[in-house]
C-alpha atoms as a PDB file:
ATOM      1  CA  MET A   1      48.530 -62.634 -32.960  1.00  0.00           C
ATOM      2  CA  LYS A   2      49.765 -64.330 -29.291  1.00  0.00           C
ATOM      3  CA  LYS A   3      47.149 -63.407 -26.575  1.00  0.00           C
ATOM      4  CA  PHE A   4      48.518 -63.181 -22.938  1.00  0.00           C
ATOM      5  CA  VAL A   5      46.698 -63.209 -19.817  1.00  0.00           C
ATOM      6  CA  ASN A   6      48.083 -62.078 -15.986  1.00  0.00           C
ATOM      7  CA  LEU A   7      46.784 -64.621 -13.506  1.00  0.00           C
ATOM      8  CA  TYR A   8      47.073 -64.571  -9.789  1.00  0.00           C
ATOM      9  CA  GLY A   9      47.136 -67.880  -9.793  1.00  0.00           C
ATOM     10  CA  MET A  10      45.993 -71.211 -10.683  1.00  0.00           C
ATOM     11  CA  LEU A  11      44.612 -74.457  -9.510  1.00  0.00           C
ATOM     12  CA  PRO A  12      45.726 -77.304 -11.747  1.00  0.00           C
ATOM     13  CA  GLU A  13      42.650 -79.797 -10.753  1.00  0.00           C
ATOM     14  CA  SER A  14      39.477 -79.192  -8.233  1.00  0.00           C
ATOM     15  CA  LEU A  15      35.945 -80.309  -7.631  1.00  0.00           C
ATOM     16  CA  VAL A  16      34.778 -77.534  -5.890  1.00  0.00           C
ATOM     17  CA  ASN A  17      34.781 -74.823  -8.941  1.00  0.00           C
ATOM     18  CA  GLY A  18      32.172 -76.238 -11.096  1.00  0.00           C
ATOM     19  CA  VAL A  19      30.966 -79.245 -12.664  1.00  0.00           C
ATOM     20  CA  GLY A  20      33.256 -81.893 -12.525  1.00  0.00           C
ATOM     21  CA  LEU A  21      37.080 -82.004 -12.257  1.00  0.00           C
ATOM     22  CA  ARG A  22      38.091 -78.538 -13.504  1.00  0.00           C
ATOM     23  CA  ARG A  23      41.033 -76.317 -14.259  1.00  0.00           C
ATOM     24  CA  VAL A  24      40.610 -72.727 -12.245  1.00  0.00           C
ATOM     25  CA  PHE A  25      42.262 -69.508 -13.560  1.00  0.00           C
ATOM     26  CA  PHE A  26      42.658 -66.632 -11.364  1.00  0.00           C
ATOM     27  CA  ALA A  27      42.841 -63.116 -13.064  1.00  0.00           C
ATOM     28  CA  GLN A  28      45.059 -60.645 -11.726  1.00  0.00           C
ATOM     29  CA  GLY A  29      43.161 -57.468 -11.464  1.00  0.00           C
ATOM     30  CA  CYS A  30      40.287 -55.789 -10.062  1.00  0.00           C
ATOM     31  CA  LYS A  31      38.597 -52.737  -9.320  1.00  0.00           C
ATOM     32  CA  HIS A  32      35.651 -53.675  -7.748  1.00  0.00           C
ATOM     33  CA  ASN A  33      37.040 -53.502  -4.028  1.00  0.00           C
ATOM     34  CA  CYS A  34      33.859 -55.797  -2.995  1.00  0.00           C
ATOM     35  CA  LYS A  35      33.203 -55.739   0.640  1.00  0.00           C
ATOM     36  CA  GLY A  36      34.630 -59.377   2.503  1.00  0.00           C
ATOM     37  CA  CYS A  37      36.478 -60.048  -0.877  1.00  0.00           C
ATOM     38  CA  PHE A  38      38.117 -63.540  -0.287  1.00  0.00           C
ATOM     39  CA  SER A  39      41.025 -62.445  -2.314  1.00  0.00           C
ATOM     40  CA  PRO A  40      42.119 -59.066  -2.137  1.00  0.00           C
ATOM     41  CA  GLU A  41      45.457 -59.644  -3.092  1.00  0.00           C
ATOM     42  CA  SER A  42      44.488 -60.143  -6.423  1.00  0.00           C
ATOM     43  CA  HIS A  43      43.503 -56.811  -6.879  1.00  0.00           C
ATOM     44  CA  ASP A  44      46.369 -55.100  -8.199  1.00  0.00           C
ATOM     45  CA  MET A  45      46.185 -54.598 -11.805  1.00  0.00           C
ATOM     46  CA  ASN A  46      50.516 -54.697 -12.215  1.00  0.00           C
ATOM     47  CA  SER A  47      50.970 -57.541  -9.907  1.00  0.00           C
ATOM     48  CA  GLY A  48      50.572 -61.520 -10.796  1.00  0.00           C
ATOM     49  CA  LYS A  49      52.475 -63.282 -13.882  1.00  0.00           C
ATOM     50  CA  VAL A  50      51.988 -63.281 -17.232  1.00  0.00           C
ATOM     51  CA  PHE A  51      50.875 -66.626 -19.279  1.00  0.00           C
ATOM     52  CA  ASP A  52      50.949 -67.346 -23.471  1.00  0.00           C
ATOM     53  CA  VAL A  53      46.937 -68.326 -23.462  1.00  0.00           C
ATOM     54  CA  ASP A  54      48.138 -70.824 -26.148  1.00  0.00           C
ATOM     55  CA  ASP A  55      50.644 -72.558 -23.617  1.00  0.00           C
ATOM     56  CA  LEU A  56      47.757 -73.104 -20.862  1.00  0.00           C
ATOM     57  CA  VAL A  57      45.114 -74.343 -23.330  1.00  0.00           C
ATOM     58  CA  LYS A  58      47.956 -76.997 -24.552  1.00  0.00           C
ATOM     59  CA  ASP A  59      48.347 -77.832 -20.698  1.00  0.00           C
ATOM     60  CA  VAL A  60      44.543 -78.073 -20.438  1.00  0.00           C
ATOM     61  CA  LEU A  61      44.127 -80.324 -23.275  1.00  0.00           C
ATOM     62  CA  GLU A  62      46.503 -82.523 -21.991  1.00  0.00           C
ATOM     63  CA  ASN A  63      44.704 -83.809 -19.113  1.00  0.00           C
ATOM     64  CA  PRO A  64      41.764 -86.023 -20.209  1.00  0.00           C
ATOM     65  CA  MET A  65      40.322 -85.636 -16.683  1.00  0.00           C
ATOM     66  CA  LEU A  66      39.034 -82.499 -16.794  1.00  0.00           C
ATOM     67  CA  LYS A  67      35.613 -81.659 -17.593  1.00  0.00           C
ATOM     68  CA  GLY A  68      36.073 -77.861 -17.897  1.00  0.00           C
ATOM     69  CA  VAL A  69      37.372 -74.328 -16.370  1.00  0.00           C
ATOM     70  CA  THR A  70      36.490 -72.085 -14.032  1.00  0.00           C
ATOM     71  CA  PHE A  71      37.509 -68.260 -14.811  1.00  0.00           C
ATOM     72  CA  SER A  72      37.619 -66.828 -11.450  1.00  0.00           C
ATOM     73  CA  GLY A  73      39.366 -63.276 -10.002  1.00  0.00           C
ATOM     74  CA  GLY A  74      40.168 -61.164  -9.328  1.00  0.00           C
ATOM     75  CA  ASP A  75      37.616 -60.258 -12.432  1.00  0.00           C
ATOM     76  CA  PRO A  76      38.373 -61.978 -15.661  1.00  0.00           C
ATOM     77  CA  PHE A  77      36.543 -59.307 -17.258  1.00  0.00           C
ATOM     78  CA  PHE A  78      39.412 -56.578 -16.918  1.00  0.00           C
ATOM     79  CA  GLN A  79      41.205 -58.801 -19.442  1.00  0.00           C
ATOM     80  CA  SER A  80      38.216 -60.218 -21.185  1.00  0.00           C
ATOM     81  CA  GLU A  81      40.134 -60.695 -25.247  1.00  0.00           C
ATOM     82  CA  SER A  82      42.354 -63.147 -23.248  1.00  0.00           C
ATOM     83  CA  PHE A  83      39.710 -65.073 -21.393  1.00  0.00           C
ATOM     84  CA  ALA A  84      37.451 -64.822 -24.488  1.00  0.00           C
ATOM     85  CA  TYR A  85      39.946 -66.512 -26.564  1.00  0.00           C
ATOM     86  CA  MET A  86      41.234 -69.237 -24.245  1.00  0.00           C
ATOM     87  CA  ALA A  87      37.050 -70.292 -23.804  1.00  0.00           C
ATOM     88  CA  TYR A  88      37.153 -70.388 -27.384  1.00  0.00           C
ATOM     89  CA  GLU A  89      40.019 -72.461 -28.089  1.00  0.00           C
ATOM     90  CA  LEU A  90      38.985 -74.768 -25.373  1.00  0.00           C
ATOM     91  CA  LYS A  91      35.890 -75.353 -26.171  1.00  0.00           C
ATOM     92  CA  LYS A  92      36.516 -75.911 -30.254  1.00  0.00           C
ATOM     93  CA  SER A  93      38.866 -78.204 -29.382  1.00  0.00           C
ATOM     94  CA  VAL A  94      36.956 -80.125 -26.645  1.00  0.00           C
ATOM     95  CA  LYS A  95      33.072 -80.884 -26.323  1.00  0.00           C
ATOM     96  CA  ARG A  96      33.522 -82.448 -23.140  1.00  0.00           C
ATOM     97  CA  PHE A  97      34.007 -79.085 -21.198  1.00  0.00           C
ATOM     98  CA  TYR A  98      31.697 -76.839 -18.931  1.00  0.00           C
ATOM     99  CA  LEU A  99      32.876 -73.236 -19.088  1.00  0.00           C
ATOM    100  CA  LYS A 100      32.068 -71.192 -15.844  1.00  0.00           C
ATOM    101  CA  ILE A 101      32.554 -67.671 -14.995  1.00  0.00           C
ATOM    102  CA  LYS A 102      33.001 -67.113 -11.424  1.00  0.00           C
END
């Protein structure tokens, strides 16, 4: 069964969002309304861009320089099934990866 994820944005390579060079996925959607949120544009649950998770996994695996991925937000837990699937697929494929949920 295909899995899809709705993203606010993505950083293909980042050194400041976890250990080593990482791909960062910013989830679209959040209901917390935290004071001082740095990305309130990511809160709308009906905005963003939908991606096929398997395509994202494949793209990450094609970059041997990456040491991990970071799931940020919005709030990834509003799409927990899709992000959990992505984490599982990446971790089983690459033992060098560090997973960080921010």
